[in-house]
Amino acid sequence: MNILPDNLAMISVVALAVIMNVVSVWLPKKAATAAEILLAAAALTGLFVRFPVGQAILLTAIGAHAYAAFSELIDRNKREMRMALRQNCRKSGRSKSFSAKMRGDWRRMSR
């Protein structure tokens, strides 16, 4: 008994997650929110109709992980803040003796 879905299904779910992230960057905020909700609802409906429940849940988890990972890379605001934080850490000139706040910022930046 094979519990894993086929590779094409997993690749399709990851591709849909990437497309949802790209749509959220290209469209205005309200239209992007509506498009993401519609795409997510259509994807979930399609997964639970086409696959058994266990595989559909697994594919949903893979898609949610891919969406979260790519949203971190694609989101403009987070990327700009990460670059500013990195620049701030480099300007400070401290290497290993960061203050507690800077240590926390460095950990967040390195993720």
C-alpha atoms as a PDB file:
ATOM      1  CA  MET A   1       0.000   0.000   0.000  1.00  0.00           C
ATOM      2  CA  ASN A   2       1.431   3.324  -1.078  1.00  0.00           C
ATOM      3  CA  ILE A   3       0.472   6.234   1.131  1.00  0.00           C
ATOM      4  CA  LEU A   4       2.528   8.866  -0.652  1.00  0.00           C
ATOM      5  CA  PRO A   5       0.937  10.669  -3.579  1.00  0.00           C
ATOM      6  CA  ASP A   6       2.707  10.607  -6.930  1.00  0.00           C
ATOM      7  CA  ASN A   7       5.560  13.028  -7.647  1.00  0.00           C
ATOM      8  CA  LEU A   8       3.571  15.020 -10.180  1.00  0.00           C
ATOM      9  CA  ALA A   9       0.921  15.810  -7.564  1.00  0.00           C
ATOM     10  CA  MET A  10       3.541  17.009  -5.071  1.00  0.00           C
ATOM     11  CA  ILE A  11       5.259  19.164  -7.689  1.00  0.00           C
ATOM     12  CA  SER A  12       1.887  20.601  -8.736  1.00  0.00           C
ATOM     13  CA  VAL A  13       1.027  21.553  -5.156  1.00  0.00           C
ATOM     14  CA  VAL A  14       4.391  23.266  -4.675  1.00  0.00           C
ATOM     15  CA  ALA A  15       3.989  25.079  -8.011  1.00  0.00           C
ATOM     16  CA  LEU A  16       0.541  26.278  -6.955  1.00  0.00           C
ATOM     17  CA  ALA A  17       2.000  27.602  -3.697  1.00  0.00           C
ATOM     18  CA  VAL A  18       4.648  29.536  -5.646  1.00  0.00           C
ATOM     19  CA  ILE A  19       1.995  30.919  -8.011  1.00  0.00           C
ATOM     20  CA  MET A  20      -0.111  32.050  -5.049  1.00  0.00           C
ATOM     21  CA  ASN A  21       2.879  33.935  -3.644  1.00  0.00           C
ATOM     22  CA  VAL A  22       3.683  35.575  -6.963  1.00  0.00           C
ATOM     23  CA  VAL A  23       0.028  36.612  -7.385  1.00  0.00           C
ATOM     24  CA  SER A  24       0.107  38.252  -3.961  1.00  0.00           C
ATOM     25  CA  VAL A  25       3.070  40.398  -5.044  1.00  0.00           C
ATOM     26  CA  TRP A  26       1.760  41.380  -8.484  1.00  0.00           C
ATOM     27  CA  LEU A  27      -1.851  42.243  -7.662  1.00  0.00           C
ATOM     28  CA  PRO A  28      -3.110  45.048  -5.414  1.00  0.00           C
ATOM     29  CA  LYS A  29      -3.624  44.013  -1.786  1.00  0.00           C
ATOM     30  CA  LYS A  30      -7.414  43.442  -1.849  1.00  0.00           C
ATOM     31  CA  ALA A  31      -7.383  41.635  -5.189  1.00  0.00           C
ATOM     32  CA  ALA A  32      -4.410  39.533  -4.066  1.00  0.00           C
ATOM     33  CA  THR A  33      -6.215  38.504  -0.883  1.00  0.00           C
ATOM     34  CA  ALA A  34      -9.312  37.470  -2.839  1.00  0.00           C
ATOM     35  CA  ALA A  35      -7.234  35.604  -5.425  1.00  0.00           C
ATOM     36  CA  GLU A  36      -5.293  33.735  -2.719  1.00  0.00           C
ATOM     37  CA  ILE A  37      -8.497  32.687  -0.968  1.00  0.00           C
ATOM     38  CA  LEU A  38     -10.063  31.480  -4.224  1.00  0.00           C
ATOM     39  CA  LEU A  39      -6.931  29.592  -5.279  1.00  0.00           C
ATOM     40  CA  ALA A  40      -6.585  27.973  -1.853  1.00  0.00           C
ATOM     41  CA  ALA A  41     -10.257  26.938  -1.784  1.00  0.00           C
ATOM     42  CA  ALA A  42     -10.050  25.531  -5.312  1.00  0.00           C
ATOM     43  CA  ALA A  43      -6.826  23.669  -4.515  1.00  0.00           C
ATOM     44  CA  LEU A  44      -8.216  22.158  -1.311  1.00  0.00           C
ATOM     45  CA  THR A  45     -11.428  21.130  -3.034  1.00  0.00           C
ATOM     46  CA  GLY A  46      -9.496  19.563  -5.901  1.00  0.00           C
ATOM     47  CA  LEU A  47      -7.158  17.711  -3.555  1.00  0.00           C
ATOM     48  CA  PHE A  48      -9.906  16.214  -1.420  1.00  0.00           C
ATOM     49  CA  VAL A  49     -11.952  15.200  -4.477  1.00  0.00           C
ATOM     50  CA  ARG A  50      -9.072  13.636  -6.416  1.00  0.00           C
ATOM     51  CA  PHE A  51      -7.050  11.952  -3.640  1.00  0.00           C
ATOM     52  CA  PRO A  52      -7.886   9.834  -0.597  1.00  0.00           C
ATOM     53  CA  VAL A  53      -8.129  11.790   2.659  1.00  0.00           C
ATOM     54  CA  GLY A  54      -4.665  10.810   3.942  1.00  0.00           C
ATOM     55  CA  GLN A  55      -2.918  11.814   0.737  1.00  0.00           C
ATOM     56  CA  ALA A  56      -4.950  15.024   0.494  1.00  0.00           C
ATOM     57  CA  ILE A  57      -3.926  15.994   4.026  1.00  0.00           C
ATOM     58  CA  LEU A  58      -0.283  15.217   3.229  1.00  0.00           C
ATOM     59  CA  LEU A  59      -0.432  17.298   0.048  1.00  0.00           C
ATOM     60  CA  THR A  60      -2.083  20.139   1.971  1.00  0.00           C
ATOM     61  CA  ALA A  61       0.753  20.085   4.497  1.00  0.00           C
ATOM     62  CA  ILE A  62       3.350  20.098   1.704  1.00  0.00           C
ATOM     63  CA  GLY A  63       1.577  23.019   0.040  1.00  0.00           C
ATOM     64  CA  ALA A  64       1.331  24.980   3.294  1.00  0.00           C
ATOM     65  CA  HIS A  65       5.036  24.471   3.961  1.00  0.00           C
ATOM     66  CA  ALA A  66       5.961  25.535   0.426  1.00  0.00           C
ATOM     67  CA  TYR A  67       3.705  28.598   0.698  1.00  0.00           C
ATOM     68  CA  ALA A  68       5.306  29.658   3.984  1.00  0.00           C
ATOM     69  CA  ALA A  69       8.838  29.092   2.700  1.00  0.00           C
ATOM     70  CA  PHE A  70       8.319  31.001  -0.543  1.00  0.00           C
ATOM     71  CA  SER A  71       6.379  33.822   1.121  1.00  0.00           C
ATOM     72  CA  GLU A  72       9.460  34.496   3.218  1.00  0.00           C
ATOM     73  CA  LEU A  73      11.560  34.854   0.054  1.00  0.00           C
ATOM     74  CA  ILE A  74       9.104  36.738  -2.131  1.00  0.00           C
ATOM     75  CA  ASP A  75       7.530  39.218   0.314  1.00  0.00           C
ATOM     76  CA  ARG A  76       8.923  42.675  -0.467  1.00  0.00           C
ATOM     77  CA  ASN A  77       8.545  44.178   2.988  1.00  0.00           C
ATOM     78  CA  LYS A  78      10.231  41.278   4.752  1.00  0.00           C
ATOM     79  CA  ARG A  79      13.051  41.224   2.227  1.00  0.00           C
ATOM     80  CA  GLU A  80      13.668  44.980   2.618  1.00  0.00           C
ATOM     81  CA  MET A  81      13.589  44.708   6.407  1.00  0.00           C
ATOM     82  CA  ARG A  82      15.982  41.744   6.314  1.00  0.00           C
ATOM     83  CA  MET A  83      18.419  43.662   4.104  1.00  0.00           C
ATOM     84  CA  ALA A  84      18.218  46.743   6.351  1.00  0.00           C
ATOM     85  CA  LEU A  85      18.804  44.603   9.427  1.00  0.00           C
ATOM     86  CA  ARG A  86      21.790  42.916   7.800  1.00  0.00           C
ATOM     87  CA  GLN A  87      23.196  46.320   6.824  1.00  0.00           C
ATOM     88  CA  ASN A  88      22.660  47.592  10.386  1.00  0.00           C
ATOM     89  CA  CYS A  89      24.475  44.583  11.832  1.00  0.00           C
ATOM     90  CA  ARG A  90      27.417  45.069   9.474  1.00  0.00           C
ATOM     91  CA  LYS A  91      27.648  48.796  10.281  1.00  0.00           C
ATOM     92  CA  SER A  92      27.762  48.163  14.004  1.00  0.00           C
ATOM     93  CA  GLY A  93      31.233  46.635  13.657  1.00  0.00           C
ATOM     94  CA  ARG A  94      30.650  44.090  16.398  1.00  0.00           C
ATOM     95  CA  SER A  95      31.286  40.516  15.491  1.00  0.00           C
ATOM     96  CA  LYS A  96      30.789  38.189  18.452  1.00  0.00           C
ATOM     97  CA  SER A  97      29.981  40.604  21.272  1.00  0.00           C
ATOM     98  CA  PHE A  98      26.489  41.652  20.261  1.00  0.00           C
ATOM     99  CA  SER A  99      24.162  43.023  22.874  1.00  0.00           C
ATOM    100  CA  ALA A 100      21.113  40.905  23.707  1.00  0.00           C
ATOM    101  CA  LYS A 101      18.932  42.783  21.220  1.00  0.00           C
ATOM    102  CA  MET A 102      21.473  42.504  18.441  1.00  0.00           C
ATOM    103  CA  ARG A 103      21.926  38.789  19.137  1.00  0.00           C
ATOM    104  CA  GLY A 104      18.178  38.265  18.692  1.00  0.00           C
ATOM    105  CA  ASP A 105      18.210  40.314  15.500  1.00  0.00           C
ATOM    106  CA  TRP A 106      21.163  38.302  14.189  1.00  0.00           C
ATOM    107  CA  ARG A 107      19.321  35.026  14.860  1.00  0.00           C
ATOM    108  CA  ARG A 108      16.226  36.250  13.043  1.00  0.00           C
ATOM    109  CA  MET A 109      18.331  37.473  10.148  1.00  0.00           C
ATOM    110  CA  SER A 110      20.185  34.187   9.714  1.00  0.00           C
ATOM    111  CA  ARG A 111      17.004  32.094   9.371  1.00  0.00           C
END
